[in-house]
C-alpha cells in the first residue's frame, strides 16, 4: 500500500484538554504519527489510533529533546514512511510556535500541509479569569509578546510597548520578571495592575495579582514557576477587584 504523506499542525489550546477544537480531535484520530510538545495533556493522545506512533519532541524543565531542525527532519521522514503526521502544539501553532518553519520544511518536499488553529494561552487564560483585554475608554487594544529574544536577552520591544495604554500579555517571561518590572518602573508605571498565571486552565493553576512593582515578591512568595503568562494593564483591575471582593466575602 502506497503511503500518502501529509502534515497537519494542530493547536491543542492552553492546557485543559477540553479546550482543543473538534477539528483538532478529528485530525489526531486520523494520525499515523503524533509529534507532541510539552504542555500537551496525555489525555489527547488517547484519541490517536493505537497503531499511531506517538513521539515527544518538546521541552521540559529546560531540557530540549530535539532541535527545531531535527523536528523538521522527523516530520519529513515520518510523513514519507508512515503517512499522516500530526504536529500537536500547545496554544495556537502560529503564536510563538515556529509553525512556519515546519510548514516550509514539509512543503519543500512536496508534503501537503493543513493547519488546525488552537486557543492561544494569551486569550484563553485571560478570558477564563474574566480579564478583559480590551475595554471601552480604558484599553483600545492588546499586545502579545515573548519576553526573550533568540540570544536570551530581554525583548527590547517592551520599552516601546510599556508606553502605550494597551493591555500587555507576556509569554515565556517569568525568568525575565525582574527586568520586566524594572522597565515598567523606569517608565513610572510600576503601579499598574498585573497578574501572573501559572498552569492556566489546569487543575493546578496558580494565580497571583497586584501591582507590577510587587510581582517579583509575589512570585517568590507563592513559588510561581513556568509555564506562566504575565498580564499587565488597567483592564486587569477588574480581576484584582473581583479577587478582593471574593476574599472579603470569605471572611464573613
C-alpha atoms as a PDB file:
ATOM      1  CA  UNK A   1       0.000   0.000   0.000  1.00  0.00           C
ATOM      2  CA  UNK A   2       1.411   3.365  -1.046  1.00  0.00           C
ATOM      3  CA  UNK A   3       1.836   5.908   1.761  1.00  0.00           C
ATOM      4  CA  UNK A   4       0.303   9.365   1.227  1.00  0.00           C
ATOM      5  CA  UNK A   5       2.428  11.856   3.179  1.00  0.00           C
ATOM      6  CA  UNK A   6       0.648  14.711   4.928  1.00  0.00           C
ATOM      7  CA  UNK A   7       1.329  17.158   7.761  1.00  0.00           C
ATOM      8  CA  UNK A   8      -1.356  18.659   9.982  1.00  0.00           C
ATOM      9  CA  UNK A   9      -0.394  21.252  12.577  1.00  0.00           C
ATOM     10  CA  UNK A  10      -2.892  21.188  15.421  1.00  0.00           C
ATOM     11  CA  UNK A  11      -3.225  23.757  18.177  1.00  0.00           C
ATOM     12  CA  UNK A  12      -4.100  21.949  21.403  1.00  0.00           C
ATOM     13  CA  UNK A  13      -5.075  25.067  23.344  1.00  0.00           C
ATOM     14  CA  UNK A  14      -3.729  26.468  26.629  1.00  0.00           C
ATOM     15  CA  UNK A  15      -3.599  23.255  28.674  1.00  0.00           C
ATOM     16  CA  UNK A  16      -7.065  21.987  29.529  1.00  0.00           C
ATOM     17  CA  UNK A  17      -7.611  19.102  27.060  1.00  0.00           C
ATOM     18  CA  UNK A  18     -11.288  20.045  26.761  1.00  0.00           C
ATOM     19  CA  UNK A  19     -10.284  23.291  25.049  1.00  0.00           C
ATOM     20  CA  UNK A  20      -8.983  21.661  21.875  1.00  0.00           C
ATOM     21  CA  UNK A  21     -11.255  22.052  18.837  1.00  0.00           C
ATOM     22  CA  UNK A  22     -13.392  19.251  17.411  1.00  0.00           C
ATOM     23  CA  UNK A  23     -11.413  19.552  14.178  1.00  0.00           C
ATOM     24  CA  UNK A  24      -8.213  19.081  16.149  1.00  0.00           C
ATOM     25  CA  UNK A  25      -9.523  15.854  17.684  1.00  0.00           C
ATOM     26  CA  UNK A  26     -10.558  14.590  14.250  1.00  0.00           C
ATOM     27  CA  UNK A  27      -7.030  15.214  12.964  1.00  0.00           C
ATOM     28  CA  UNK A  28      -5.497  13.283  15.884  1.00  0.00           C
ATOM     29  CA  UNK A  29      -7.931  10.403  15.278  1.00  0.00           C
ATOM     30  CA  UNK A  30      -6.690  10.227  11.677  1.00  0.00           C
ATOM     31  CA  UNK A  31      -2.975  10.353  12.547  1.00  0.00           C
ATOM     32  CA  UNK A  32      -0.350   7.790  11.686  1.00  0.00           C
ATOM     33  CA  UNK A  33       2.200   9.747  13.727  1.00  0.00           C
ATOM     34  CA  UNK A  34       1.695  12.288  16.540  1.00  0.00           C
ATOM     35  CA  UNK A  35       4.634  14.556  17.351  1.00  0.00           C
ATOM     36  CA  UNK A  36       3.700  16.389  20.526  1.00  0.00           C
ATOM     37  CA  UNK A  37       5.179  19.163  22.621  1.00  0.00           C
ATOM     38  CA  UNK A  38       5.450  19.699  26.348  1.00  0.00           C
ATOM     39  CA  UNK A  39       2.279  21.051  27.989  1.00  0.00           C
ATOM     40  CA  UNK A  40       0.188  18.626  25.915  1.00  0.00           C
ATOM     41  CA  UNK A  41      -2.150  16.668  28.168  1.00  0.00           C
ATOM     42  CA  UNK A  42      -1.683  12.911  27.748  1.00  0.00           C
ATOM     43  CA  UNK A  43      -5.461  12.614  27.509  1.00  0.00           C
ATOM     44  CA  UNK A  44      -5.288  13.980  23.972  1.00  0.00           C
ATOM     45  CA  UNK A  45      -3.043  11.125  22.861  1.00  0.00           C
ATOM     46  CA  UNK A  46      -5.832   8.666  23.690  1.00  0.00           C
ATOM     47  CA  UNK A  47      -7.722   9.959  20.655  1.00  0.00           C
ATOM     48  CA  UNK A  48      -4.949   8.772  18.328  1.00  0.00           C
ATOM     49  CA  UNK A  49      -5.233   5.277  16.811  1.00  0.00           C
ATOM     50  CA  UNK A  50      -3.430   2.598  18.825  1.00  0.00           C
ATOM     51  CA  UNK A  51      -1.191   1.869  15.852  1.00  0.00           C
ATOM     52  CA  UNK A  52      -0.093   5.518  15.642  1.00  0.00           C
ATOM     53  CA  UNK A  53       3.461   6.424  16.635  1.00  0.00           C
ATOM     54  CA  UNK A  54       3.494   8.961  19.468  1.00  0.00           C
ATOM     55  CA  UNK A  55       6.749  10.856  19.898  1.00  0.00           C
ATOM     56  CA  UNK A  56       7.532  13.631  22.390  1.00  0.00           C
ATOM     57  CA  UNK A  57       9.586  16.391  20.758  1.00  0.00           C
ATOM     58  CA  UNK A  58       9.111  19.291  23.191  1.00  0.00           C
ATOM     59  CA  UNK A  59      10.907  20.877  26.116  1.00  0.00           C
ATOM     60  CA  UNK A  60      10.540  20.109  29.802  1.00  0.00           C
ATOM     61  CA  UNK A  61      12.335  21.848  32.659  1.00  0.00           C
ATOM     62  CA  UNK A  62      14.900  23.327  30.299  1.00  0.00           C
ATOM     63  CA  UNK A  63      15.567  20.001  28.596  1.00  0.00           C
ATOM     64  CA  UNK A  64      15.185  20.062  24.840  1.00  0.00           C
ATOM     65  CA  UNK A  65      14.615  16.631  23.314  1.00  0.00           C
ATOM     66  CA  UNK A  66      15.141  17.753  19.714  1.00  0.00           C
ATOM     67  CA  UNK A  67      16.375  20.874  17.983  1.00  0.00           C
ATOM     68  CA  UNK A  68      13.975  22.522  15.557  1.00  0.00           C
ATOM     69  CA  UNK A  69      15.988  21.321  12.561  1.00  0.00           C
ATOM     70  CA  UNK A  70      15.725  17.757  13.875  1.00  0.00           C
ATOM     71  CA  UNK A  71      11.973  18.088  14.334  1.00  0.00           C
ATOM     72  CA  UNK A  72      11.683  19.277  10.738  1.00  0.00           C
ATOM     73  CA  UNK A  73      13.595  16.203   9.581  1.00  0.00           C
ATOM     74  CA  UNK A  74      11.408  13.888  11.683  1.00  0.00           C
ATOM     75  CA  UNK A  75       8.266  15.420  10.176  1.00  0.00           C
ATOM     76  CA  UNK A  76       9.506  14.820   6.638  1.00  0.00           C
ATOM     77  CA  UNK A  77      10.921  11.322   7.191  1.00  0.00           C
ATOM     78  CA  UNK A  78       7.892  10.086   9.150  1.00  0.00           C
ATOM     79  CA  UNK A  79       5.447  11.543   6.638  1.00  0.00           C
ATOM     80  CA  UNK A  80       7.090   9.608   3.804  1.00  0.00           C
ATOM     81  CA  UNK A  81       7.440   6.456   5.878  1.00  0.00           C
ATOM     82  CA  UNK A  82       4.084   6.356   7.690  1.00  0.00           C
ATOM     83  CA  UNK A  83       1.728   8.901   6.104  1.00  0.00           C
ATOM     84  CA  UNK A  84      -0.250  11.435   8.135  1.00  0.00           C
ATOM     85  CA  UNK A  85       1.878  13.305  10.670  1.00  0.00           C
ATOM     86  CA  UNK A  86       0.028  15.397  13.252  1.00  0.00           C
ATOM     87  CA  UNK A  87       2.197  18.027  14.886  1.00  0.00           C
ATOM     88  CA  UNK A  88       0.449  18.729  18.194  1.00  0.00           C
ATOM     89  CA  UNK A  89       1.390  22.079  19.684  1.00  0.00           C
ATOM     90  CA  UNK A  90       0.284  23.938  22.786  1.00  0.00           C
ATOM     91  CA  UNK A  91      -1.856  27.025  22.262  1.00  0.00           C
ATOM     92  CA  UNK A  92      -2.064  28.076  18.625  1.00  0.00           C
ATOM     93  CA  UNK A  93       0.621  26.882  16.167  1.00  0.00           C
ATOM     94  CA  UNK A  94       1.214  30.406  14.878  1.00  0.00           C
ATOM     95  CA  UNK A  95       1.694  32.119  18.247  1.00  0.00           C
ATOM     96  CA  UNK A  96       5.386  31.568  19.042  1.00  0.00           C
ATOM     97  CA  UNK A  97       5.030  28.019  17.743  1.00  0.00           C
ATOM     98  CA  UNK A  98       7.581  28.061  14.899  1.00  0.00           C
ATOM     99  CA  UNK A  99       4.865  26.667  12.660  1.00  0.00           C
ATOM    100  CA  UNK A 100       6.107  28.429   9.541  1.00  0.00           C
ATOM    101  CA  UNK A 101       9.462  26.638   9.790  1.00  0.00           C
ATOM    102  CA  UNK A 102       7.807  23.234   9.922  1.00  0.00           C
ATOM    103  CA  UNK A 103       5.468  24.071   7.063  1.00  0.00           C
ATOM    104  CA  UNK A 104       8.355  25.283   4.943  1.00  0.00           C
ATOM    105  CA  UNK A 105      10.281  22.066   5.606  1.00  0.00           C
ATOM    106  CA  UNK A 106       7.312  19.878   4.668  1.00  0.00           C
ATOM    107  CA  UNK A 107       6.343  21.826   1.573  1.00  0.00           C
ATOM    108  CA  UNK A 108       9.935  21.829   0.310  1.00  0.00           C
ATOM    109  CA  UNK A 109       9.478  18.055  -0.107  1.00  0.00           C
ATOM    110  CA  UNK A 110       6.039  18.381  -1.643  1.00  0.00           C
ATOM    111  CA  UNK A 111       4.188  17.280   1.500  1.00  0.00           C
ATOM    112  CA  UNK A 112       0.714  18.866   1.708  1.00  0.00           C
ATOM    113  CA  UNK A 113       0.030  20.817   4.898  1.00  0.00           C
ATOM    114  CA  UNK A 114      -3.122  21.657   6.843  1.00  0.00           C
ATOM    115  CA  UNK A 115      -3.396  23.849   9.931  1.00  0.00           C
ATOM    116  CA  UNK A 116      -5.988  23.497  12.681  1.00  0.00           C
ATOM    117  CA  UNK A 117      -5.978  26.670  14.805  1.00  0.00           C
ATOM    118  CA  UNK A 118      -5.960  26.465  18.582  1.00  0.00           C
ATOM    119  CA  UNK A 119      -6.814  28.728  21.501  1.00  0.00           C
ATOM    120  CA  UNK A 120      -3.779  30.761  22.481  1.00  0.00           C
ATOM    121  CA  UNK A 121      -2.969  30.997  26.189  1.00  0.00           C
ATOM    122  CA  UNK A 122      -2.836  34.766  25.725  1.00  0.00           C
ATOM    123  CA  UNK A 123      -6.572  34.991  25.114  1.00  0.00           C
ATOM    124  CA  UNK A 124      -7.934  31.756  26.612  1.00  0.00           C
ATOM    125  CA  UNK A 125      -6.422  32.093  30.087  1.00  0.00           C
ATOM    126  CA  UNK A 126      -7.372  35.747  30.407  1.00  0.00           C
ATOM    127  CA  UNK A 127     -10.927  35.008  29.255  1.00  0.00           C
ATOM    128  CA  UNK A 128     -11.311  32.214  31.783  1.00  0.00           C
ATOM    129  CA  UNK A 129     -10.216  34.579  34.558  1.00  0.00           C
ATOM    130  CA  UNK A 130     -12.621  37.224  33.210  1.00  0.00           C
ATOM    131  CA  UNK A 131      -9.815  39.673  32.475  1.00  0.00           C
ATOM    132  CA  UNK A 132     -10.907  41.897  29.577  1.00  0.00           C
ATOM    133  CA  UNK A 133      -8.063  42.537  27.153  1.00  0.00           C
ATOM    134  CA  UNK A 134      -9.924  45.472  25.660  1.00  0.00           C
ATOM    135  CA  UNK A 135     -12.344  47.806  27.384  1.00  0.00           C
ATOM    136  CA  UNK A 136     -14.024  50.938  26.114  1.00  0.00           C
ATOM    137  CA  UNK A 137     -12.308  54.113  27.353  1.00  0.00           C
ATOM    138  CA  UNK A 138      -9.586  52.051  29.052  1.00  0.00           C
ATOM    139  CA  UNK A 139      -7.743  49.870  26.525  1.00  0.00           C
ATOM    140  CA  UNK A 140      -8.329  50.015  22.770  1.00  0.00           C
ATOM    141  CA  UNK A 141      -6.123  47.008  22.076  1.00  0.00           C
ATOM    142  CA  UNK A 142      -3.712  44.459  23.463  1.00  0.00           C
ATOM    143  CA  UNK A 143      -0.191  43.259  22.718  1.00  0.00           C
ATOM    144  CA  UNK A 144       1.106  39.708  22.942  1.00  0.00           C
ATOM    145  CA  UNK A 145       4.862  39.322  23.175  1.00  0.00           C
ATOM    146  CA  UNK A 146       7.611  36.994  24.272  1.00  0.00           C
ATOM    147  CA  UNK A 147       9.965  38.354  26.897  1.00  0.00           C
ATOM    148  CA  UNK A 148      13.111  36.810  25.467  1.00  0.00           C
ATOM    149  CA  UNK A 149      14.994  37.144  22.183  1.00  0.00           C
ATOM    150  CA  UNK A 150      16.799  34.283  20.442  1.00  0.00           C
ATOM    151  CA  UNK A 151      20.028  35.280  22.225  1.00  0.00           C
ATOM    152  CA  UNK A 152      18.286  35.122  25.635  1.00  0.00           C
ATOM    153  CA  UNK A 153      18.117  38.887  26.122  1.00  0.00           C
ATOM    154  CA  UNK A 154      15.079  40.909  27.191  1.00  0.00           C
ATOM    155  CA  UNK A 155      12.847  41.744  24.250  1.00  0.00           C
ATOM    156  CA  UNK A 156      13.589  45.412  23.608  1.00  0.00           C
ATOM    157  CA  UNK A 157      10.117  45.931  22.133  1.00  0.00           C
ATOM    158  CA  UNK A 158       8.924  46.074  25.725  1.00  0.00           C
ATOM    159  CA  UNK A 159      10.446  49.560  26.065  1.00  0.00           C
ATOM    160  CA  UNK A 160       8.015  50.857  23.435  1.00  0.00           C
ATOM    161  CA  UNK A 161       5.040  48.731  24.421  1.00  0.00           C
ATOM    162  CA  UNK A 162       5.172  49.857  28.047  1.00  0.00           C
ATOM    163  CA  UNK A 163       4.461  53.432  26.921  1.00  0.00           C
ATOM    164  CA  UNK A 164       1.082  52.511  25.437  1.00  0.00           C
ATOM    165  CA  UNK A 165      -2.225  52.184  27.277  1.00  0.00           C
ATOM    166  CA  UNK A 166      -2.872  48.745  25.821  1.00  0.00           C
ATOM    167  CA  UNK A 167      -3.099  45.547  27.840  1.00  0.00           C
ATOM    168  CA  UNK A 168       0.147  43.579  27.581  1.00  0.00           C
ATOM    169  CA  UNK A 169       0.344  39.781  27.681  1.00  0.00           C
ATOM    170  CA  UNK A 170       3.881  38.450  28.102  1.00  0.00           C
ATOM    171  CA  UNK A 171       4.517  34.792  27.309  1.00  0.00           C
ATOM    172  CA  UNK A 172       7.610  32.896  28.466  1.00  0.00           C
ATOM    173  CA  UNK A 173       8.562  35.850  30.650  1.00  0.00           C
ATOM    174  CA  UNK A 174       8.926  34.538  34.170  1.00  0.00           C
ATOM    175  CA  UNK A 175      12.719  34.229  34.039  1.00  0.00           C
ATOM    176  CA  UNK A 176      12.874  37.868  32.929  1.00  0.00           C
ATOM    177  CA  UNK A 177      10.404  39.105  35.549  1.00  0.00           C
ATOM    178  CA  UNK A 178      12.823  41.400  37.386  1.00  0.00           C
ATOM    179  CA  UNK A 179      13.819  43.137  34.137  1.00  0.00           C
ATOM    180  CA  UNK A 180      10.189  43.440  33.065  1.00  0.00           C
ATOM    181  CA  UNK A 181       9.251  45.059  36.368  1.00  0.00           C
ATOM    182  CA  UNK A 182      12.267  47.385  36.163  1.00  0.00           C
ATOM    183  CA  UNK A 183      11.238  48.505  32.683  1.00  0.00           C
ATOM    184  CA  UNK A 184       7.762  49.449  33.893  1.00  0.00           C
ATOM    185  CA  UNK A 185       9.152  51.251  36.910  1.00  0.00           C
ATOM    186  CA  UNK A 186      11.579  53.197  34.710  1.00  0.00           C
ATOM    187  CA  UNK A 187       8.524  54.452  32.828  1.00  0.00           C
ATOM    188  CA  UNK A 188       6.652  55.366  36.014  1.00  0.00           C
ATOM    189  CA  UNK A 189       4.183  52.523  35.511  1.00  0.00           C
ATOM    190  CA  UNK A 190       5.048  50.299  38.437  1.00  0.00           C
ATOM    191  CA  UNK A 191       1.590  50.869  39.909  1.00  0.00           C
ATOM    192  CA  UNK A 192      -0.277  49.261  37.007  1.00  0.00           C
ATOM    193  CA  UNK A 193      -2.489  46.271  37.871  1.00  0.00           C
ATOM    194  CA  UNK A 194      -0.876  42.968  36.964  1.00  0.00           C
ATOM    195  CA  UNK A 195      -1.381  39.239  37.248  1.00  0.00           C
ATOM    196  CA  UNK A 196       0.771  36.127  36.794  1.00  0.00           C
ATOM    197  CA  UNK A 197      -0.939  32.854  35.933  1.00  0.00           C
ATOM    198  CA  UNK A 198       0.895  29.539  36.179  1.00  0.00           C
ATOM    199  CA  UNK A 199      -0.612  26.442  34.502  1.00  0.00           C
ATOM    200  CA  UNK A 200      -3.594  28.410  33.295  1.00  0.00           C
ATOM    201  CA  UNK A 201      -6.854  26.436  32.708  1.00  0.00           C
ATOM    202  CA  UNK A 202      -5.432  23.378  34.512  1.00  0.00           C
ATOM    203  CA  UNK A 203      -6.458  21.972  37.926  1.00  0.00           C
ATOM    204  CA  UNK A 204      -3.097  23.060  39.404  1.00  0.00           C
ATOM    205  CA  UNK A 205      -3.462  26.638  38.195  1.00  0.00           C
ATOM    206  CA  UNK A 206      -1.873  29.272  40.438  1.00  0.00           C
ATOM    207  CA  UNK A 207      -2.629  32.993  40.228  1.00  0.00           C
ATOM    208  CA  UNK A 208      -1.030  35.999  41.891  1.00  0.00           C
ATOM    209  CA  UNK A 209      -2.251  39.540  41.342  1.00  0.00           C
ATOM    210  CA  UNK A 210      -1.420  43.023  42.494  1.00  0.00           C
ATOM    211  CA  UNK A 211       0.753  45.794  41.044  1.00  0.00           C
ATOM    212  CA  UNK A 212       3.670  45.477  38.670  1.00  0.00           C
ATOM    213  CA  UNK A 213       6.072  46.683  41.357  1.00  0.00           C
ATOM    214  CA  UNK A 214       5.003  43.773  43.601  1.00  0.00           C
ATOM    215  CA  UNK A 215       5.273  40.952  41.056  1.00  0.00           C
ATOM    216  CA  UNK A 216       8.765  39.732  41.937  1.00  0.00           C
ATOM    217  CA  UNK A 217       7.898  39.491  45.623  1.00  0.00           C
ATOM    218  CA  UNK A 218       4.543  37.845  44.961  1.00  0.00           C
ATOM    219  CA  UNK A 219       6.006  35.304  42.535  1.00  0.00           C
ATOM    220  CA  UNK A 220       8.653  34.266  45.078  1.00  0.00           C
ATOM    221  CA  UNK A 221       6.165  34.249  47.946  1.00  0.00           C
ATOM    222  CA  UNK A 222       3.739  31.958  46.098  1.00  0.00           C
ATOM    223  CA  UNK A 223       6.518  29.924  44.420  1.00  0.00           C
ATOM    224  CA  UNK A 224       5.234  30.646  40.931  1.00  0.00           C
ATOM    225  CA  UNK A 225       7.040  28.723  38.198  1.00  0.00           C
ATOM    226  CA  UNK A 226       6.873  28.115  34.465  1.00  0.00           C
ATOM    227  CA  UNK A 227       4.793  27.810  32.398  1.00  0.00           C
ATOM    228  CA  UNK A 228       3.183  31.122  33.202  1.00  0.00           C
ATOM    229  CA  UNK A 229       1.829  34.208  31.498  1.00  0.00           C
ATOM    230  CA  UNK A 230       2.074  37.780  32.755  1.00  0.00           C
ATOM    231  CA  UNK A 231      -0.753  40.236  32.105  1.00  0.00           C
ATOM    232  CA  UNK A 232      -0.293  43.949  32.734  1.00  0.00           C
ATOM    233  CA  UNK A 233      -2.671  46.857  32.203  1.00  0.00           C
ATOM    234  CA  UNK A 234      -5.588  48.844  33.562  1.00  0.00           C
ATOM    235  CA  UNK A 235      -8.088  46.176  32.482  1.00  0.00           C
ATOM    236  CA  UNK A 236      -6.514  43.752  34.963  1.00  0.00           C
ATOM    237  CA  UNK A 237      -8.067  45.887  37.709  1.00  0.00           C
ATOM    238  CA  UNK A 238     -11.390  44.148  37.035  1.00  0.00           C
ATOM    239  CA  UNK A 239      -9.842  40.842  38.114  1.00  0.00           C
ATOM    240  CA  UNK A 240      -7.970  42.362  41.085  1.00  0.00           C
ATOM    241  CA  UNK A 241     -11.192  43.911  42.433  1.00  0.00           C
ATOM    242  CA  UNK A 242     -13.109  40.698  41.900  1.00  0.00           C
ATOM    243  CA  UNK A 243     -10.492  38.692  43.787  1.00  0.00           C
ATOM    244  CA  UNK A 244     -10.545  41.160  46.693  1.00  0.00           C
ATOM    245  CA  UNK A 245     -14.356  41.016  46.849  1.00  0.00           C
ATOM    246  CA  UNK A 246     -14.296  37.200  46.986  1.00  0.00           C
ATOM    247  CA  UNK A 247     -11.689  37.305  49.747  1.00  0.00           C
ATOM    248  CA  UNK A 248     -13.827  39.720  51.785  1.00  0.00           C
ATOM    249  CA  UNK A 249     -16.898  37.531  51.387  1.00  0.00           C
ATOM    250  CA  UNK A 250     -14.920  34.524  52.586  1.00  0.00           C
ATOM    251  CA  UNK A 251     -14.211  36.345  55.854  1.00  0.00           C
ATOM    252  CA  UNK A 252     -17.916  36.789  56.633  1.00  0.00           C
END
